């Protein structure tokens, strides 16, 4: 009887102190939309912010690894298509990602989720803004919608402010629903790109997150993406 009581108490302690974890099925051969943006990104460094604390449990949504990117400076009139700026100017910035976000290759602009093997991030470009540029007024919802492909935009374009270590920066976020192109073993009816732009001085840094979760329900991924945007750090 005493042994049974001891085992029961230990079981309750394990249940109480255990680490909550979101389980995601492992899927291979992702079906991903074709990118129309040509982007040159190279990883300069990867540093872990976890230090020597190896006793912490694995956390899917903890931001642990800072990545440094180089992106070409380009021009755009609609934030959907980009052209070279006429020179070889490069801008560098960093973002911090969860540990399960894996870069596709050393110089790739894309990352995938190690649990689903599906693309989750893509770096695009830095845009040089002309003097007096109306950043907030340059985003038009209709530019991100396409009746032929079925792409739609949730709500309005979000314009807000990030409070970062080096000051406040304006950002824009456009959340779309699109039907992925291409085949493969994974069949995705819809996925949800989060197109994001952070304005830093005369430059705007463009990148895109991807989610499989409908943001009209519980937008957990949207919250994670905002946390990542708050780690933005311009280098040069």
C-alpha atoms as a PDB file:
ATOM      1  CA  UNK A   1       0.000   0.000   0.000  1.00  0.00           C
ATOM      2  CA  UNK A   2       2.814   2.401   0.909  1.00  0.00           C
ATOM      3  CA  UNK A   3       4.566   1.603  -2.408  1.00  0.00           C
ATOM      4  CA  UNK A   4       1.363   2.339  -4.346  1.00  0.00           C
ATOM      5  CA  UNK A   5       0.993   5.730  -2.629  1.00  0.00           C
ATOM      6  CA  UNK A   6       4.667   6.596  -3.390  1.00  0.00           C
ATOM      7  CA  UNK A   7       4.293   5.726  -7.087  1.00  0.00           C
ATOM      8  CA  UNK A   8       1.100   7.780  -7.310  1.00  0.00           C
ATOM      9  CA  UNK A   9       2.796  10.844  -5.741  1.00  0.00           C
ATOM     10  CA  UNK A  10       5.781  10.570  -8.121  1.00  0.00           C
ATOM     11  CA  UNK A  11       3.430  10.325 -11.117  1.00  0.00           C
ATOM     12  CA  UNK A  12       1.596  13.497 -10.032  1.00  0.00           C
ATOM     13  CA  UNK A  13       4.911  15.372  -9.568  1.00  0.00           C
ATOM     14  CA  UNK A  14       6.050  14.397 -13.069  1.00  0.00           C
ATOM     15  CA  UNK A  15       2.744  15.588 -14.551  1.00  0.00           C
ATOM     16  CA  UNK A  16       2.968  18.919 -12.712  1.00  0.00           C
ATOM     17  CA  UNK A  17       6.606  19.711 -13.490  1.00  0.00           C
ATOM     18  CA  UNK A  18       6.744  18.364 -17.032  1.00  0.00           C
ATOM     19  CA  UNK A  19       7.454  20.737 -19.934  1.00  0.00           C
ATOM     20  CA  UNK A  20       4.528  21.549 -22.239  1.00  0.00           C
ATOM     21  CA  UNK A  21       5.410  20.778 -25.828  1.00  0.00           C
ATOM     22  CA  UNK A  22       3.550  21.145 -29.079  1.00  0.00           C
ATOM     23  CA  UNK A  23       3.832  17.926 -31.063  1.00  0.00           C
ATOM     24  CA  UNK A  24       3.903  18.238 -34.836  1.00  0.00           C
ATOM     25  CA  UNK A  25       3.881  15.216 -37.192  1.00  0.00           C
ATOM     26  CA  UNK A  26       6.976  14.732 -39.317  1.00  0.00           C
ATOM     27  CA  UNK A  27       6.239  15.227 -43.009  1.00  0.00           C
ATOM     28  CA  UNK A  28       8.666  15.023 -45.908  1.00  0.00           C
ATOM     29  CA  UNK A  29       8.703  16.240 -49.496  1.00  0.00           C
ATOM     30  CA  UNK A  30       7.027  19.648 -48.942  1.00  0.00           C
ATOM     31  CA  UNK A  31       4.776  21.283 -51.502  1.00  0.00           C
ATOM     32  CA  UNK A  32       5.766  24.922 -51.624  1.00  0.00           C
ATOM     33  CA  UNK A  33       4.729  27.864 -53.789  1.00  0.00           C
ATOM     34  CA  UNK A  34       7.236  29.024 -56.361  1.00  0.00           C
ATOM     35  CA  UNK A  35       8.894  32.269 -55.373  1.00  0.00           C
ATOM     36  CA  UNK A  36       8.861  35.057 -57.978  1.00  0.00           C
ATOM     37  CA  UNK A  37      11.432  37.046 -56.108  1.00  0.00           C
ATOM     38  CA  UNK A  38      15.129  36.644 -56.779  1.00  0.00           C
ATOM     39  CA  UNK A  39      16.986  37.135 -53.536  1.00  0.00           C
ATOM     40  CA  UNK A  40      20.622  36.847 -52.632  1.00  0.00           C
ATOM     41  CA  UNK A  41      21.160  36.027 -49.005  1.00  0.00           C
ATOM     42  CA  UNK A  42      24.276  34.728 -47.345  1.00  0.00           C
ATOM     43  CA  UNK A  43      24.706  33.732 -43.760  1.00  0.00           C
ATOM     44  CA  UNK A  44      27.477  35.664 -42.075  1.00  0.00           C
ATOM     45  CA  UNK A  45      27.200  34.101 -38.654  1.00  0.00           C
ATOM     46  CA  UNK A  46      25.051  32.017 -36.368  1.00  0.00           C
ATOM     47  CA  UNK A  47      25.284  32.513 -32.637  1.00  0.00           C
ATOM     48  CA  UNK A  48      23.374  30.709 -29.949  1.00  0.00           C
ATOM     49  CA  UNK A  49      21.862  32.781 -27.159  1.00  0.00           C
ATOM     50  CA  UNK A  50      21.216  29.740 -24.976  1.00  0.00           C
ATOM     51  CA  UNK A  51      24.689  29.935 -23.420  1.00  0.00           C
ATOM     52  CA  UNK A  52      25.764  26.984 -21.324  1.00  0.00           C
ATOM     53  CA  UNK A  53      22.403  26.296 -19.738  1.00  0.00           C
ATOM     54  CA  UNK A  54      21.997  22.791 -21.144  1.00  0.00           C
ATOM     55  CA  UNK A  55      19.383  21.777 -18.587  1.00  0.00           C
ATOM     56  CA  UNK A  56      16.604  23.795 -20.249  1.00  0.00           C
ATOM     57  CA  UNK A  57      14.042  21.682 -22.162  1.00  0.00           C
ATOM     58  CA  UNK A  58      13.722  22.015 -25.931  1.00  0.00           C
ATOM     59  CA  UNK A  59      11.231  24.758 -26.794  1.00  0.00           C
ATOM     60  CA  UNK A  60       9.634  25.031 -30.215  1.00  0.00           C
ATOM     61  CA  UNK A  61       8.733  28.684 -29.745  1.00  0.00           C
ATOM     62  CA  UNK A  62      11.801  29.961 -27.858  1.00  0.00           C
ATOM     63  CA  UNK A  63      13.993  32.317 -29.883  1.00  0.00           C
ATOM     64  CA  UNK A  64      17.450  30.829 -29.521  1.00  0.00           C
ATOM     65  CA  UNK A  65      19.595  31.415 -32.605  1.00  0.00           C
ATOM     66  CA  UNK A  66      20.565  34.711 -34.238  1.00  0.00           C
ATOM     67  CA  UNK A  67      21.166  34.622 -37.987  1.00  0.00           C
ATOM     68  CA  UNK A  68      22.883  37.347 -39.974  1.00  0.00           C
ATOM     69  CA  UNK A  69      21.773  38.071 -43.543  1.00  0.00           C
ATOM     70  CA  UNK A  70      23.062  40.033 -46.494  1.00  0.00           C
ATOM     71  CA  UNK A  71      20.412  41.227 -48.957  1.00  0.00           C
ATOM     72  CA  UNK A  72      20.600  43.108 -52.231  1.00  0.00           C
ATOM     73  CA  UNK A  73      19.308  46.666 -52.303  1.00  0.00           C
ATOM     74  CA  UNK A  74      16.434  46.782 -54.815  1.00  0.00           C
ATOM     75  CA  UNK A  75      13.526  48.974 -55.916  1.00  0.00           C
ATOM     76  CA  UNK A  76       9.808  48.263 -55.973  1.00  0.00           C
ATOM     77  CA  UNK A  77       6.597  50.046 -56.877  1.00  0.00           C
ATOM     78  CA  UNK A  78       4.120  47.622 -55.313  1.00  0.00           C
ATOM     79  CA  UNK A  79       6.071  45.521 -52.752  1.00  0.00           C
ATOM     80  CA  UNK A  80       5.386  42.470 -54.912  1.00  0.00           C
ATOM     81  CA  UNK A  81       7.937  42.772 -57.716  1.00  0.00           C
ATOM     82  CA  UNK A  82      11.529  43.957 -57.349  1.00  0.00           C
ATOM     83  CA  UNK A  83      14.233  45.272 -59.628  1.00  0.00           C
ATOM     84  CA  UNK A  84      17.913  45.960 -59.160  1.00  0.00           C
ATOM     85  CA  UNK A  85      18.792  49.400 -57.846  1.00  0.00           C
ATOM     86  CA  UNK A  86      21.520  49.927 -60.435  1.00  0.00           C
ATOM     87  CA  UNK A  87      24.455  49.285 -58.142  1.00  0.00           C
ATOM     88  CA  UNK A  88      25.832  46.452 -56.054  1.00  0.00           C
ATOM     89  CA  UNK A  89      24.796  47.840 -52.685  1.00  0.00           C
ATOM     90  CA  UNK A  90      24.273  45.250 -49.958  1.00  0.00           C
ATOM     91  CA  UNK A  91      22.553  45.640 -46.589  1.00  0.00           C
ATOM     92  CA  UNK A  92      23.051  43.415 -43.558  1.00  0.00           C
ATOM     93  CA  UNK A  93      20.669  42.637 -40.697  1.00  0.00           C
ATOM     94  CA  UNK A  94      19.948  39.959 -38.115  1.00  0.00           C
ATOM     95  CA  UNK A  95      16.888  38.109 -36.830  1.00  0.00           C
ATOM     96  CA  UNK A  96      16.607  35.514 -34.078  1.00  0.00           C
ATOM     97  CA  UNK A  97      14.712  32.278 -34.782  1.00  0.00           C
ATOM     98  CA  UNK A  98      13.504  29.230 -32.837  1.00  0.00           C
ATOM     99  CA  UNK A  99      15.875  26.280 -32.725  1.00  0.00           C
ATOM    100  CA  UNK A 100      13.648  24.163 -34.997  1.00  0.00           C
ATOM    101  CA  UNK A 101      13.968  26.632 -37.902  1.00  0.00           C
ATOM    102  CA  UNK A 102      16.616  25.192 -40.194  1.00  0.00           C
ATOM    103  CA  UNK A 103      18.332  27.026 -43.033  1.00  0.00           C
ATOM    104  CA  UNK A 104      17.924  25.161 -46.330  1.00  0.00           C
ATOM    105  CA  UNK A 105      21.566  25.690 -47.339  1.00  0.00           C
ATOM    106  CA  UNK A 106      24.495  27.854 -46.296  1.00  0.00           C
ATOM    107  CA  UNK A 107      23.543  30.731 -48.607  1.00  0.00           C
ATOM    108  CA  UNK A 108      19.818  30.045 -48.992  1.00  0.00           C
ATOM    109  CA  UNK A 109      17.226  32.779 -48.361  1.00  0.00           C
ATOM    110  CA  UNK A 110      14.767  30.211 -46.995  1.00  0.00           C
ATOM    111  CA  UNK A 111      14.273  28.294 -43.759  1.00  0.00           C
ATOM    112  CA  UNK A 112      12.091  25.261 -43.062  1.00  0.00           C
ATOM    113  CA  UNK A 113      10.545  23.794 -39.927  1.00  0.00           C
ATOM    114  CA  UNK A 114      12.483  20.691 -38.958  1.00  0.00           C
ATOM    115  CA  UNK A 115       9.290  18.997 -37.692  1.00  0.00           C
ATOM    116  CA  UNK A 116       7.174  19.498 -40.837  1.00  0.00           C
ATOM    117  CA  UNK A 117       9.906  20.051 -43.463  1.00  0.00           C
ATOM    118  CA  UNK A 118       7.789  22.925 -44.811  1.00  0.00           C
ATOM    119  CA  UNK A 119       9.133  26.372 -45.700  1.00  0.00           C
ATOM    120  CA  UNK A 120       8.589  28.862 -42.890  1.00  0.00           C
ATOM    121  CA  UNK A 121      10.696  31.916 -43.776  1.00  0.00           C
ATOM    122  CA  UNK A 122      12.168  33.706 -46.779  1.00  0.00           C
ATOM    123  CA  UNK A 123      14.335  36.805 -46.898  1.00  0.00           C
ATOM    124  CA  UNK A 124      13.647  39.034 -49.903  1.00  0.00           C
ATOM    125  CA  UNK A 125      15.462  42.375 -50.218  1.00  0.00           C
ATOM    126  CA  UNK A 126      16.252  45.793 -48.817  1.00  0.00           C
ATOM    127  CA  UNK A 127      14.485  48.638 -50.607  1.00  0.00           C
ATOM    128  CA  UNK A 128      16.053  52.104 -50.842  1.00  0.00           C
ATOM    129  CA  UNK A 129      13.352  54.666 -50.095  1.00  0.00           C
ATOM    130  CA  UNK A 130      13.374  58.050 -51.842  1.00  0.00           C
ATOM    131  CA  UNK A 131      13.216  61.275 -49.845  1.00  0.00           C
ATOM    132  CA  UNK A 132       9.726  62.024 -48.546  1.00  0.00           C
ATOM    133  CA  UNK A 133       8.507  58.488 -49.258  1.00  0.00           C
ATOM    134  CA  UNK A 134       5.049  57.733 -47.788  1.00  0.00           C
ATOM    135  CA  UNK A 135       5.802  54.337 -46.280  1.00  0.00           C
ATOM    136  CA  UNK A 136       2.391  53.644 -44.722  1.00  0.00           C
ATOM    137  CA  UNK A 137       0.545  54.944 -47.781  1.00  0.00           C
ATOM    138  CA  UNK A 138       2.519  52.748 -50.201  1.00  0.00           C
ATOM    139  CA  UNK A 139       0.811  49.509 -49.145  1.00  0.00           C
ATOM    140  CA  UNK A 140      -2.391  48.809 -51.051  1.00  0.00           C
ATOM    141  CA  UNK A 141      -4.419  45.716 -50.218  1.00  0.00           C
ATOM    142  CA  UNK A 142      -5.335  45.072 -53.832  1.00  0.00           C
ATOM    143  CA  UNK A 143      -1.653  44.692 -54.771  1.00  0.00           C
ATOM    144  CA  UNK A 144      -1.539  41.531 -52.670  1.00  0.00           C
ATOM    145  CA  UNK A 145      -4.757  39.969 -53.979  1.00  0.00           C
ATOM    146  CA  UNK A 146      -5.140  37.933 -57.151  1.00  0.00           C
ATOM    147  CA  UNK A 147      -8.560  36.611 -58.240  1.00  0.00           C
ATOM    148  CA  UNK A 148      -6.936  34.240 -60.735  1.00  0.00           C
ATOM    149  CA  UNK A 149      -4.740  32.436 -58.206  1.00  0.00           C
ATOM    150  CA  UNK A 150      -7.223  32.937 -55.367  1.00  0.00           C
ATOM    151  CA  UNK A 151      -4.829  34.953 -53.191  1.00  0.00           C
ATOM    152  CA  UNK A 152      -6.684  37.084 -50.646  1.00  0.00           C
ATOM    153  CA  UNK A 153      -5.676  39.393 -47.790  1.00  0.00           C
ATOM    154  CA  UNK A 154      -6.967  39.116 -44.225  1.00  0.00           C
ATOM    155  CA  UNK A 155      -8.306  42.375 -42.862  1.00  0.00           C
ATOM    156  CA  UNK A 156      -6.286  45.488 -43.697  1.00  0.00           C
ATOM    157  CA  UNK A 157      -2.560  46.009 -44.070  1.00  0.00           C
ATOM    158  CA  UNK A 158      -1.118  46.316 -40.572  1.00  0.00           C
ATOM    159  CA  UNK A 159       1.062  49.353 -39.919  1.00  0.00           C
ATOM    160  CA  UNK A 160       2.674  49.600 -36.516  1.00  0.00           C
ATOM    161  CA  UNK A 161       5.752  50.445 -34.480  1.00  0.00           C
ATOM    162  CA  UNK A 162       8.454  48.177 -33.086  1.00  0.00           C
ATOM    163  CA  UNK A 163      10.304  49.386 -29.996  1.00  0.00           C
ATOM    164  CA  UNK A 164      13.819  48.034 -30.465  1.00  0.00           C
ATOM    165  CA  UNK A 165      17.119  48.549 -28.659  1.00  0.00           C
ATOM    166  CA  UNK A 166      18.200  51.217 -31.162  1.00  0.00           C
ATOM    167  CA  UNK A 167      14.866  53.045 -31.218  1.00  0.00           C
ATOM    168  CA  UNK A 168      11.400  52.784 -32.709  1.00  0.00           C
ATOM    169  CA  UNK A 169      10.909  51.468 -36.235  1.00  0.00           C
ATOM    170  CA  UNK A 170       7.789  51.405 -38.373  1.00  0.00           C
ATOM    171  CA  UNK A 171       6.698  48.087 -39.829  1.00  0.00           C
ATOM    172  CA  UNK A 172       4.067  46.812 -42.250  1.00  0.00           C
ATOM    173  CA  UNK A 173       2.536  43.333 -42.283  1.00  0.00           C
ATOM    174  CA  UNK A 174       0.259  41.801 -44.909  1.00  0.00           C
ATOM    175  CA  UNK A 175      -1.356  38.428 -44.123  1.00  0.00           C
ATOM    176  CA  UNK A 176      -2.487  36.471 -47.169  1.00  0.00           C
ATOM    177  CA  UNK A 177      -4.291  33.230 -47.904  1.00  0.00           C
ATOM    178  CA  UNK A 178      -2.892  31.480 -50.976  1.00  0.00           C
ATOM    179  CA  UNK A 179      -3.151  28.117 -52.716  1.00  0.00           C
ATOM    180  CA  UNK A 180       0.360  26.646 -53.051  1.00  0.00           C
ATOM    181  CA  UNK A 181       1.644  25.754 -56.495  1.00  0.00           C
ATOM    182  CA  UNK A 182       3.467  22.564 -57.379  1.00  0.00           C
ATOM    183  CA  UNK A 183       3.112  18.909 -56.460  1.00  0.00           C
ATOM    184  CA  UNK A 184       4.773  16.606 -54.006  1.00  0.00           C
ATOM    185  CA  UNK A 185       3.626  14.239 -51.306  1.00  0.00           C
ATOM    186  CA  UNK A 186       2.365  17.054 -49.081  1.00  0.00           C
ATOM    187  CA  UNK A 187      -0.978  18.396 -50.222  1.00  0.00           C
ATOM    188  CA  UNK A 188      -1.710  21.832 -48.749  1.00  0.00           C
ATOM    189  CA  UNK A 189      -5.080  23.403 -49.534  1.00  0.00           C
ATOM    190  CA  UNK A 190      -4.066  26.828 -48.241  1.00  0.00           C
ATOM    191  CA  UNK A 191      -1.201  28.407 -46.474  1.00  0.00           C
ATOM    192  CA  UNK A 192      -0.764  31.853 -45.057  1.00  0.00           C
ATOM    193  CA  UNK A 193       2.202  34.070 -45.973  1.00  0.00           C
ATOM    194  CA  UNK A 194       2.968  36.976 -43.633  1.00  0.00           C
ATOM    195  CA  UNK A 195       4.739  39.580 -45.767  1.00  0.00           C
ATOM    196  CA  UNK A 196       6.672  41.925 -43.473  1.00  0.00           C
ATOM    197  CA  UNK A 197       8.636  45.120 -44.013  1.00  0.00           C
ATOM    198  CA  UNK A 198      10.659  46.957 -41.366  1.00  0.00           C
ATOM    199  CA  UNK A 199      11.657  50.553 -42.118  1.00  0.00           C
ATOM    200  CA  UNK A 200      15.058  51.613 -40.839  1.00  0.00           C
ATOM    201  CA  UNK A 201      16.040  55.099 -41.963  1.00  0.00           C
ATOM    202  CA  UNK A 202      16.146  55.263 -45.756  1.00  0.00           C
ATOM    203  CA  UNK A 203      15.842  51.489 -46.171  1.00  0.00           C
ATOM    204  CA  UNK A 204      13.023  48.988 -45.808  1.00  0.00           C
ATOM    205  CA  UNK A 205      13.881  45.345 -45.127  1.00  0.00           C
ATOM    206  CA  UNK A 206      11.480  42.826 -46.668  1.00  0.00           C
ATOM    207  CA  UNK A 207      10.938  39.212 -45.682  1.00  0.00           C
ATOM    208  CA  UNK A 208       8.118  36.697 -45.453  1.00  0.00           C
ATOM    209  CA  UNK A 209       6.948  34.106 -42.928  1.00  0.00           C
ATOM    210  CA  UNK A 210       4.695  31.147 -43.788  1.00  0.00           C
ATOM    211  CA  UNK A 211       2.049  29.450 -41.639  1.00  0.00           C
ATOM    212  CA  UNK A 212      -0.358  26.537 -42.102  1.00  0.00           C
ATOM    213  CA  UNK A 213      -2.693  27.876 -39.396  1.00  0.00           C
ATOM    214  CA  UNK A 214      -5.715  29.946 -40.382  1.00  0.00           C
ATOM    215  CA  UNK A 215      -5.179  33.359 -38.707  1.00  0.00           C
ATOM    216  CA  UNK A 216      -8.939  33.886 -38.363  1.00  0.00           C
ATOM    217  CA  UNK A 217      -8.806  31.381 -35.512  1.00  0.00           C
ATOM    218  CA  UNK A 218      -6.056  31.421 -32.876  1.00  0.00           C
ATOM    219  CA  UNK A 219      -3.165  33.281 -34.488  1.00  0.00           C
ATOM    220  CA  UNK A 220      -0.314  31.712 -32.520  1.00  0.00           C
ATOM    221  CA  UNK A 221       2.095  31.882 -35.445  1.00  0.00           C
ATOM    222  CA  UNK A 222       1.346  35.568 -35.958  1.00  0.00           C
ATOM    223  CA  UNK A 223       2.409  36.235 -32.369  1.00  0.00           C
ATOM    224  CA  UNK A 224       5.625  34.293 -32.891  1.00  0.00           C
ATOM    225  CA  UNK A 225       6.394  36.212 -36.070  1.00  0.00           C
ATOM    226  CA  UNK A 226       5.938  39.506 -34.233  1.00  0.00           C
ATOM    227  CA  UNK A 227       8.354  38.324 -31.536  1.00  0.00           C
ATOM    228  CA  UNK A 228      10.914  37.554 -34.238  1.00  0.00           C
ATOM    229  CA  UNK A 229      10.440  40.980 -35.811  1.00  0.00           C
ATOM    230  CA  UNK A 230      11.242  42.487 -32.423  1.00  0.00           C
ATOM    231  CA  UNK A 231      14.696  40.895 -32.649  1.00  0.00           C
ATOM    232  CA  UNK A 232      15.517  42.800 -35.870  1.00  0.00           C
ATOM    233  CA  UNK A 233      18.924  44.412 -35.772  1.00  0.00           C
ATOM    234  CA  UNK A 234      20.405  46.361 -38.715  1.00  0.00           C
ATOM    235  CA  UNK A 235      24.165  45.904 -39.128  1.00  0.00           C
ATOM    236  CA  UNK A 236      25.096  47.993 -42.152  1.00  0.00           C
END
